[in-house]
Amino acid sequence: MPIWKNSATNRGTLLALGALIAGTTIGLGGCASPGHGKVTSEHLAQAEQRMNDMRAATEWDMAQQQFLAGDLEKSLKTVDNSISMANSVAKSHSLRGRILYELGQPDAAFEAFRRALAIDPEFVDAHYFKGVIHERFREYDKAMQSYMTAAKLDETNPQYPLAAAEVCIETGRLDEAERILNDRQDRFEHNAGFRQTLGHIAQMRGNDRLAARFFGEARILAPEDHSILEDLSIAQVGAGMYAEASYSLGQLLKGKHAGDRRDLEHLQAKCFMEMDRPVEARSILLGLTEGVEGSTDIRAWFELGQCAYKLGDMRRVKITASRLIAMAPGGYEGYFLMAALHRHEGDLASALTALDKAASLTSEDASPMLFRGIVLSEMGRQSEAARSLAEALRLDPDNKDAEQLLALVVEQE
């Protein structure tokens, strides 16, 4: 007989079994209640977001490495993947902006930096690179604001005040540039860039000796930076520190970074001439007048002619003068050298004719008028000599030779 039929005992067993099943059902229903299901869904969503954040961070690291390696297209795709997983990360949008800027898309880059700052208004890199874009478009006041905001947010990075100072230099606000640097000099006393930029300010003010001092200090702080050594060389030449400049130029020219630097070789030749070492200068200048470039280098030929004159090599003076007149008939240099040759030969009249021609071909260089004044004085024509020397002084107010010769000629009138 089946267990569920007739027996009172069996009825009790069934009731107990029913109660057990009902309790189990109620228990299972409790596990599936709406409140507990919501919590579980939130936990699942949070776990999924954490996984997305981790994947986004991994993608960002990969994008950063690709960017640093110069693989810009791939880097852009990777950072876009990162942003699609985690859209509210300032550094991801900032990296995207940097990539777009390097790809030549400044407007899209600016929007990416704007988005980064909307997420985090104190994200320093985005402020700085916004400044870079403003500067590119000559929006100098906005660039200054961005750079100075970055400098305020991160007082440990010299790049930001340096960028602000360079904007001031570019716009001729030298006092403001100097103040920005000096206000932070104690904090960045061992930063070569600060000294180098102060050197540029001194150069723009015409103080090459002070510039050389700043560049020299920067050189000590960054001995491997060839741009500082080049700045130092140029400042030393400008300050008349020819022996020091010659050494600095020698270091540059023998370095592997020098390449074909004709401009530096010209400066080295000038130093040798000023140091009364014309033979060494001639060696450099002969090299500069060779080849295709040398055949049209008016400066090199002119300096070679001057060097030859100093060495008493009048044959080469004549060759260089003739070459310059043929090469650049609209320039004064060939006629100037021809005048020097005539004067050496005692033909002052021909020298004066050549100098008249030379002076007519330049309204900027005082040399022809200065030389003309000397020849006129030697011809006993002191009043004309004085006028010529006065004109030379007008063209070059700082020319001490013209000033002294004018005073002597005036005394002889």
Protein backbone atom coordinates (compact mmCIF):
# COMPACT_ATOMS: atom_id res chain seq x y z
CA MET A 1 0.00 0.00 0.00
CA PRO A 2 1.43 3.40 -0.90
CA ILE A 3 2.74 5.44 2.00
CA TRP A 4 0.36 8.31 1.47
CA LYS A 5 -2.81 6.22 1.85
CA ASN A 6 -4.84 5.73 5.05
CA SER A 7 -2.27 5.67 7.85
CA ALA A 8 -2.46 8.47 10.44
CA THR A 9 1.25 8.10 10.91
CA ASN A 10 1.73 8.54 7.28
CA ARG A 11 -0.43 11.65 7.35
CA GLY A 12 1.88 13.11 9.99
CA THR A 13 4.88 12.24 7.91
CA LEU A 14 3.36 13.95 4.91
CA LEU A 15 2.61 17.06 6.91
CA ALA A 16 6.19 17.19 8.13
CA LEU A 17 7.49 16.63 4.65
CA GLY A 18 5.21 19.37 3.33
CA ALA A 19 6.44 21.76 5.99
CA LEU A 20 10.05 20.95 5.11
CA ILE A 21 9.39 21.54 1.41
CA ALA A 22 7.53 24.77 2.14
CA GLY A 23 10.39 25.97 4.33
CA THR A 24 12.87 25.12 1.65
CA THR A 25 10.79 27.01 -0.90
CA ILE A 26 10.56 30.01 1.36
CA GLY A 27 14.31 29.84 1.91
CA LEU A 28 15.00 29.69 -1.79
CA GLY A 29 12.60 32.55 -2.36
CA GLY A 30 14.57 34.61 0.17
CA CYS A 31 17.77 34.09 -1.86
CA ALA A 32 16.02 35.44 -4.95
CA SER A 33 14.42 38.44 -3.21
CA PRO A 34 14.59 41.80 -5.09
CA GLY A 35 16.79 43.51 -2.48
CA HIS A 36 19.54 40.93 -2.44
CA GLY A 37 19.53 40.68 -6.25
CA LYS A 38 20.19 44.44 -6.53
CA VAL A 39 23.25 44.23 -4.27
CA THR A 40 24.62 41.34 -6.27
CA SER A 41 24.16 43.28 -9.53
CA GLU A 42 25.98 46.28 -8.09
CA HIS A 43 28.88 44.11 -6.96
CA LEU A 44 29.05 42.56 -10.41
CA ALA A 45 29.02 46.01 -12.06
CA GLN A 46 31.75 47.26 -9.71
CA ALA A 47 33.87 44.20 -10.39
CA GLU A 48 33.41 44.67 -14.12
CA GLN A 49 34.38 48.35 -13.86
CA ARG A 50 37.47 47.42 -11.87
CA MET A 51 38.44 45.02 -14.60
CA ASN A 52 37.85 47.73 -17.23
CA ASP A 53 39.96 50.17 -15.23
CA MET A 54 42.77 47.64 -15.03
CA ARG A 55 42.56 46.94 -18.75
CA ALA A 56 42.39 50.70 -19.47
CA ALA A 57 45.51 51.29 -17.36
CA THR A 58 47.34 48.54 -19.24
CA GLU A 59 46.29 50.05 -22.57
CA TRP A 60 47.44 53.51 -21.38
CA ASP A 61 50.87 52.13 -20.46
CA MET A 62 51.13 50.53 -23.88
CA ALA A 63 50.02 53.75 -25.61
CA GLN A 64 52.61 55.73 -23.64
CA GLN A 65 55.38 53.36 -24.71
CA GLN A 66 54.26 53.51 -28.34
CA PHE A 67 54.19 57.30 -28.17
CA LEU A 68 57.69 57.47 -26.74
CA ALA A 69 58.86 55.08 -29.47
CA GLY A 70 57.39 57.38 -32.13
CA ASP A 71 54.67 54.98 -33.30
CA LEU A 72 51.99 57.66 -33.21
CA GLU A 73 49.20 56.02 -35.22
CA LYS A 74 49.34 52.86 -33.15
CA SER A 75 49.61 54.89 -29.96
CA LEU A 76 46.45 56.83 -30.86
CA LYS A 77 44.47 53.62 -31.42
CA THR A 78 45.68 52.18 -28.13
CA VAL A 79 44.85 55.27 -26.07
CA ASP A 80 41.41 55.41 -27.72
CA ASN A 81 40.88 51.82 -26.54
CA SER A 82 41.89 52.92 -23.05
CA ILE A 83 39.44 55.82 -23.11
CA SER A 84 36.62 53.58 -24.35
CA MET A 85 37.11 51.44 -21.23
CA ALA A 86 37.54 54.32 -18.80
CA ASN A 87 36.43 57.67 -20.17
CA SER A 88 36.99 59.82 -17.09
CA VAL A 89 40.78 59.59 -16.77
CA ALA A 90 42.52 62.93 -17.30
CA LYS A 91 45.91 61.50 -18.19
CA SER A 92 44.40 59.42 -21.01
CA HIS A 93 42.87 62.47 -22.69
CA SER A 94 46.10 64.40 -22.13
CA LEU A 95 48.15 61.66 -23.77
CA ARG A 96 45.69 61.63 -26.64
CA GLY A 97 46.22 65.37 -27.01
CA ARG A 98 49.99 64.97 -27.17
CA ILE A 99 49.69 62.30 -29.84
CA LEU A 100 47.31 64.40 -31.93
CA TYR A 101 49.60 67.41 -31.63
CA GLU A 102 52.55 65.38 -32.89
CA LEU A 103 50.35 64.14 -35.74
CA GLY A 104 49.81 67.76 -36.80
CA GLN A 105 46.25 68.11 -35.48
CA PRO A 106 46.51 70.99 -32.98
CA ASP A 107 42.76 71.74 -32.85
CA ALA A 108 41.89 68.14 -31.97
CA ALA A 109 44.78 68.08 -29.51
CA PHE A 110 43.51 71.25 -27.82
CA GLU A 111 40.07 69.67 -27.41
CA ALA A 112 41.68 66.61 -25.79
CA PHE A 113 43.55 68.80 -23.31
CA ARG A 114 40.34 70.74 -22.61
CA ARG A 115 38.60 67.43 -21.88
CA ALA A 116 41.41 66.38 -19.52
CA LEU A 117 41.04 69.63 -17.57
CA ALA A 118 37.26 69.23 -17.41
CA ILE A 119 37.91 65.93 -15.61
CA ASP A 120 40.75 67.27 -13.44
CA PRO A 121 41.22 71.08 -13.44
CA GLU A 122 44.61 70.66 -11.76
CA PHE A 123 46.11 68.23 -14.25
CA VAL A 124 49.43 69.96 -14.86
CA ASP A 125 50.45 68.40 -18.17
CA ALA A 126 47.23 69.49 -19.85
CA HIS A 127 47.79 73.10 -18.77
CA TYR A 128 51.35 73.01 -20.10
CA PHE A 129 50.48 71.53 -23.49
CA LYS A 130 47.57 73.90 -23.90
CA GLY A 131 50.19 76.61 -23.51
CA VAL A 132 52.30 75.00 -26.23
CA ILE A 133 49.37 75.15 -28.65
CA HIS A 134 48.53 78.74 -27.71
CA GLU A 135 52.17 79.69 -28.31
CA ARG A 136 52.17 77.98 -31.70
CA PHE A 137 49.25 80.15 -32.75
CA ARG A 138 50.94 83.27 -31.31
CA GLU A 139 48.35 83.59 -28.56
CA TYR A 140 51.08 84.65 -26.20
CA ASP A 141 48.96 85.92 -23.28
CA LYS A 142 46.99 82.68 -23.18
CA ALA A 143 50.21 80.68 -23.44
CA MET A 144 51.67 82.62 -20.52
CA GLN A 145 48.55 81.97 -18.44
CA SER A 146 48.73 78.22 -19.13
CA TYR A 147 52.46 78.01 -18.37
CA MET A 148 52.20 80.02 -15.18
CA THR A 149 49.22 77.92 -14.01
CA ALA A 150 51.32 74.81 -14.55
CA ALA A 151 54.23 76.42 -12.67
CA LYS A 152 51.96 77.22 -9.73
CA LEU A 153 50.46 73.72 -9.62
CA ASP A 154 53.87 72.03 -9.79
CA GLU A 155 56.64 74.13 -8.29
CA THR A 156 59.22 71.36 -8.69
CA ASN A 157 59.37 71.30 -12.50
CA PRO A 158 61.62 73.98 -14.09
CA GLN A 159 60.13 73.35 -17.52
CA TYR A 160 57.04 75.43 -16.78
CA PRO A 161 58.65 78.74 -15.66
CA LEU A 162 61.24 78.33 -18.42
CA ALA A 163 58.47 78.08 -21.00
CA ALA A 164 56.84 81.22 -19.57
CA ALA A 165 60.16 83.09 -19.65
CA GLU A 166 60.76 82.09 -23.27
CA VAL A 167 57.35 83.50 -24.24
CA CYS A 168 58.37 86.78 -22.59
CA ILE A 169 61.66 86.77 -24.51
CA GLU A 170 59.85 86.08 -27.76
CA THR A 171 57.58 89.08 -27.16
CA GLY A 172 60.43 91.37 -26.05
CA ARG A 173 59.43 91.45 -22.37
CA LEU A 174 62.95 90.84 -21.09
CA ASP A 175 62.42 92.32 -17.62
CA GLU A 176 59.44 90.04 -17.00
CA ALA A 177 61.36 87.01 -18.25
CA GLU A 178 64.24 87.82 -15.94
CA ARG A 179 61.88 88.28 -12.98
CA ILE A 180 60.20 84.89 -13.58
CA LEU A 181 63.60 83.18 -13.55
CA ASN A 182 65.11 85.14 -10.67
CA ASP A 183 62.05 84.51 -8.47
CA ARG A 184 62.74 80.78 -8.78
CA GLN A 185 66.51 80.86 -8.93
CA ASP A 186 66.98 79.49 -5.41
CA ARG A 187 64.69 76.55 -6.13
CA PHE A 188 66.44 75.71 -9.41
CA GLU A 189 69.98 76.89 -8.70
CA HIS A 190 71.42 73.74 -10.29
CA ASN A 191 69.31 73.91 -13.43
CA ALA A 192 71.34 74.62 -16.56
CA GLY A 193 68.30 75.82 -18.51
CA PHE A 194 67.78 78.72 -16.11
CA ARG A 195 71.37 79.91 -16.56
CA GLN A 196 71.19 79.45 -20.32
CA THR A 197 67.98 81.47 -20.63
CA LEU A 198 69.44 84.26 -18.47
CA GLY A 199 72.37 84.22 -20.90
CA HIS A 200 70.00 84.71 -23.83
CA ILE A 201 68.42 87.68 -22.07
CA ALA A 202 71.86 89.23 -21.49
CA GLN A 203 72.73 88.69 -25.18
CA MET A 204 69.55 90.41 -26.30
CA ARG A 205 70.52 93.36 -24.14
CA GLY A 206 73.90 93.49 -25.85
CA ASN A 207 75.87 92.32 -22.81
CA ASP A 208 77.89 89.46 -24.30
CA ARG A 209 80.30 89.31 -21.38
CA LEU A 210 77.48 88.71 -18.88
CA ALA A 211 75.92 86.23 -21.31
CA ALA A 212 79.22 84.35 -21.49
CA ARG A 213 79.27 84.15 -17.69
CA PHE A 214 75.76 82.64 -17.56
CA PHE A 215 76.52 80.21 -20.39
CA GLY A 216 79.74 79.22 -18.63
CA GLU A 217 77.78 78.41 -15.46
CA ALA A 218 75.24 76.45 -17.50
CA ARG A 219 78.10 74.56 -19.15
CA ILE A 220 79.38 73.43 -15.76
CA LEU A 221 75.91 72.16 -14.84
CA ALA A 222 75.36 70.40 -18.19
CA PRO A 223 78.78 69.64 -19.72
CA GLU A 224 77.33 67.35 -22.41
CA ASP A 225 74.86 69.90 -23.77
CA HIS A 226 76.32 71.11 -27.07
CA SER A 227 73.72 73.88 -27.47
CA ILE A 228 75.10 75.54 -24.33
CA LEU A 229 78.67 75.24 -25.59
CA GLU A 230 77.62 76.83 -28.88
CA ASP A 231 75.89 79.69 -27.06
CA LEU A 232 79.02 80.14 -24.95
CA SER A 233 81.27 80.29 -28.03
CA ILE A 234 79.14 82.92 -29.75
CA ALA A 235 78.93 85.07 -26.61
CA GLN A 236 82.69 84.84 -26.10
CA VAL A 237 83.31 86.03 -29.66
CA GLY A 238 80.86 88.89 -29.15
CA ALA A 239 82.62 89.86 -25.92
CA GLY A 240 86.03 89.85 -27.59
CA MET A 241 87.15 86.84 -25.51
CA TYR A 242 88.84 85.31 -28.55
CA ALA A 243 91.19 82.88 -26.83
CA GLU A 244 88.33 81.44 -24.75
CA ALA A 245 86.05 81.36 -27.80
CA SER A 246 88.69 79.59 -29.86
CA TYR A 247 88.95 76.86 -27.23
CA SER A 248 85.15 76.48 -27.01
CA LEU A 249 84.84 76.35 -30.80
CA GLY A 250 87.60 73.78 -30.96
CA GLN A 251 85.64 71.57 -28.58
CA LEU A 252 82.54 71.96 -30.72
CA LEU A 253 84.22 71.35 -34.05
CA LYS A 254 85.97 68.18 -32.99
CA GLY A 255 82.81 66.72 -31.45
CA LYS A 256 80.74 64.12 -33.24
CA HIS A 257 77.71 66.45 -33.17
CA ALA A 258 79.44 69.24 -35.13
CA GLY A 259 78.70 67.96 -38.63
CA ASP A 260 79.23 70.49 -41.42
CA ARG A 261 79.17 73.72 -39.41
CA ARG A 262 80.59 76.36 -41.71
CA ASP A 263 79.29 79.07 -39.39
CA LEU A 264 81.43 77.76 -36.54
CA GLU A 265 84.46 77.50 -38.80
CA HIS A 266 83.98 81.16 -39.78
CA LEU A 267 83.96 82.09 -36.09
CA GLN A 268 87.11 80.05 -35.47
CA ALA A 269 88.87 81.80 -38.35
CA LYS A 270 87.82 85.18 -36.90
CA CYS A 271 89.26 84.18 -33.52
CA PHE A 272 92.59 83.21 -35.10
CA MET A 273 92.73 86.54 -36.96
CA GLU A 274 91.99 88.51 -33.80
CA MET A 275 94.61 86.49 -31.92
CA ASP A 276 97.16 87.35 -34.64
CA ARG A 277 97.33 83.78 -35.90
CA PRO A 278 96.60 84.43 -39.61
CA VAL A 279 98.28 81.25 -40.86
CA GLU A 280 95.77 79.10 -38.94
CA ALA A 281 92.94 81.35 -40.07
CA ARG A 282 94.06 80.97 -43.70
CA SER A 283 93.99 77.19 -43.41
CA ILE A 284 90.35 77.28 -42.33
CA LEU A 285 89.36 79.85 -44.93
CA LEU A 286 90.98 77.96 -47.78
CA GLY A 287 88.84 75.00 -46.83
CA LEU A 288 85.73 77.17 -46.70
CA THR A 289 86.31 78.48 -50.25
CA GLU A 290 86.55 74.99 -51.74
CA GLY A 291 83.77 72.94 -53.30
CA VAL A 292 80.32 73.97 -54.47
CA GLU A 293 79.39 75.81 -51.28
CA GLY A 294 82.77 77.52 -51.12
CA SER A 295 82.49 78.84 -54.65
CA THR A 296 79.61 81.11 -53.61
CA ASP A 297 80.59 81.87 -50.02
CA ILE A 298 81.23 85.62 -50.25
CA ARG A 299 82.08 85.89 -46.57
CA ALA A 300 84.76 83.19 -46.80
CA TRP A 301 86.38 84.79 -49.87
CA PHE A 302 86.33 88.24 -48.27
CA GLU A 303 87.88 86.97 -45.05
CA LEU A 304 90.48 85.04 -47.05
CA GLY A 305 91.42 88.26 -48.84
CA GLN A 306 91.78 90.12 -45.53
CA CYS A 307 93.86 87.28 -44.13
CA ALA A 308 96.09 87.32 -47.23
CA TYR A 309 96.57 91.09 -46.84
CA LYS A 310 97.66 90.59 -43.23
CA LEU A 311 100.16 87.95 -44.38
CA GLY A 312 101.45 90.24 -47.15
CA ASP A 313 100.23 87.87 -49.85
CA MET A 314 99.15 90.52 -52.38
CA ARG A 315 98.83 88.01 -55.17
CA ARG A 316 96.05 86.24 -53.27
CA VAL A 317 94.48 89.60 -52.35
CA LYS A 318 94.20 90.42 -56.04
CA ILE A 319 92.77 86.99 -56.85
CA THR A 320 90.13 87.20 -54.12
CA ALA A 321 89.22 90.80 -55.00
CA SER A 322 88.71 89.91 -58.65
CA ARG A 323 86.76 86.78 -57.71
CA LEU A 324 84.44 88.76 -55.44
CA ILE A 325 83.78 91.48 -58.04
CA ALA A 326 82.88 88.79 -60.58
CA MET A 327 80.89 86.74 -58.07
CA ALA A 328 79.00 89.60 -56.40
CA PRO A 329 79.23 92.83 -58.45
CA GLY A 330 76.52 94.34 -56.25
CA GLY A 331 78.55 93.79 -53.11
CA TYR A 332 81.19 96.10 -51.68
CA GLU A 333 83.65 93.42 -50.60
CA GLY A 334 85.60 93.01 -53.85
CA TYR A 335 86.08 96.75 -54.29
CA PHE A 336 87.16 97.09 -50.67
CA LEU A 337 89.91 94.49 -51.17
CA MET A 338 90.94 96.10 -54.46
CA ALA A 339 91.30 99.43 -52.61
CA ALA A 340 93.51 97.74 -50.03
CA LEU A 341 95.70 96.36 -52.83
CA HIS A 342 96.00 99.80 -54.54
CA ARG A 343 96.86 101.46 -51.23
CA HIS A 344 99.55 98.86 -50.56
CA GLU A 345 101.00 99.66 -54.00
CA GLY A 346 100.95 103.39 -53.19
CA ASP A 347 98.19 104.23 -55.68
CA LEU A 348 95.92 106.26 -53.37
CA ALA A 349 93.86 107.72 -56.22
CA SER A 350 92.86 104.24 -57.45
CA ALA A 351 92.25 103.18 -53.87
CA LEU A 352 89.89 106.13 -53.38
CA THR A 353 88.02 105.32 -56.60
CA ALA A 354 87.54 101.72 -55.45
CA LEU A 355 86.35 102.90 -52.02
CA ASP A 356 83.89 105.35 -53.57
CA LYS A 357 82.40 102.38 -55.41
CA ALA A 358 82.42 100.21 -52.28
CA ALA A 359 80.72 102.91 -50.17
CA SER A 360 78.01 103.36 -52.81
CA LEU A 361 77.13 99.66 -52.56
CA THR A 362 76.37 99.52 -48.82
CA SER A 363 74.41 101.71 -46.48
CA GLU A 364 74.90 99.49 -43.45
CA ASP A 365 78.59 98.56 -43.15
CA ALA A 366 80.82 101.38 -41.90
CA SER A 367 84.06 99.76 -43.15
CA PRO A 368 84.23 101.40 -46.62
CA MET A 369 83.63 104.90 -45.20
CA LEU A 370 86.18 104.30 -42.44
CA PHE A 371 88.81 103.11 -44.93
CA ARG A 372 87.91 105.99 -47.23
CA GLY A 373 88.55 108.45 -44.42
CA ILE A 374 91.99 106.96 -43.84
CA VAL A 375 92.93 107.22 -47.54
CA LEU A 376 91.66 110.80 -47.79
CA SER A 377 93.68 111.72 -44.70
CA GLU A 378 96.79 110.16 -46.25
CA MET A 379 96.11 112.26 -49.37
CA GLY A 380 96.07 115.39 -47.17
CA ARG A 381 92.35 116.01 -47.68
CA GLN A 382 91.50 116.31 -44.00
CA SER A 383 88.11 118.00 -44.30
CA GLU A 384 86.83 115.27 -46.64
CA ALA A 385 88.42 112.64 -44.41
CA ALA A 386 86.56 114.07 -41.40
CA ARG A 387 83.23 113.91 -43.24
CA SER A 388 83.86 110.33 -44.30
CA LEU A 389 84.82 109.28 -40.75
CA ALA A 390 81.78 111.07 -39.33
CA GLU A 391 79.59 109.09 -41.74
CA ALA A 392 81.27 105.88 -40.62
CA LEU A 393 80.53 106.82 -37.02
CA ARG A 394 76.91 107.52 -37.92
CA LEU A 395 76.59 104.06 -39.46
CA ASP A 396 78.30 102.44 -36.46
CA PRO A 397 78.04 104.66 -33.35
CA ASP A 398 80.04 102.17 -31.26
CA ASN A 399 83.01 102.08 -33.65
CA LYS A 400 85.95 103.18 -31.50
CA ASP A 401 88.36 103.25 -34.46
CA ALA A 402 86.17 105.73 -36.34
CA GLU A 403 85.80 107.83 -33.21
CA GLN A 404 89.55 108.02 -32.52
CA LEU A 405 90.52 108.64 -36.16
CA LEU A 406 87.94 111.40 -36.47
CA ALA A 407 89.39 113.14 -33.43
CA LEU A 408 92.91 112.96 -34.93
CA VAL A 409 91.79 114.24 -38.33
CA VAL A 410 89.88 117.13 -36.77
CA GLU A 411 93.06 118.14 -34.92
CA GLN A 412 94.99 118.20 -38.22
CA GLU A 413 92.46 120.36 -40.09
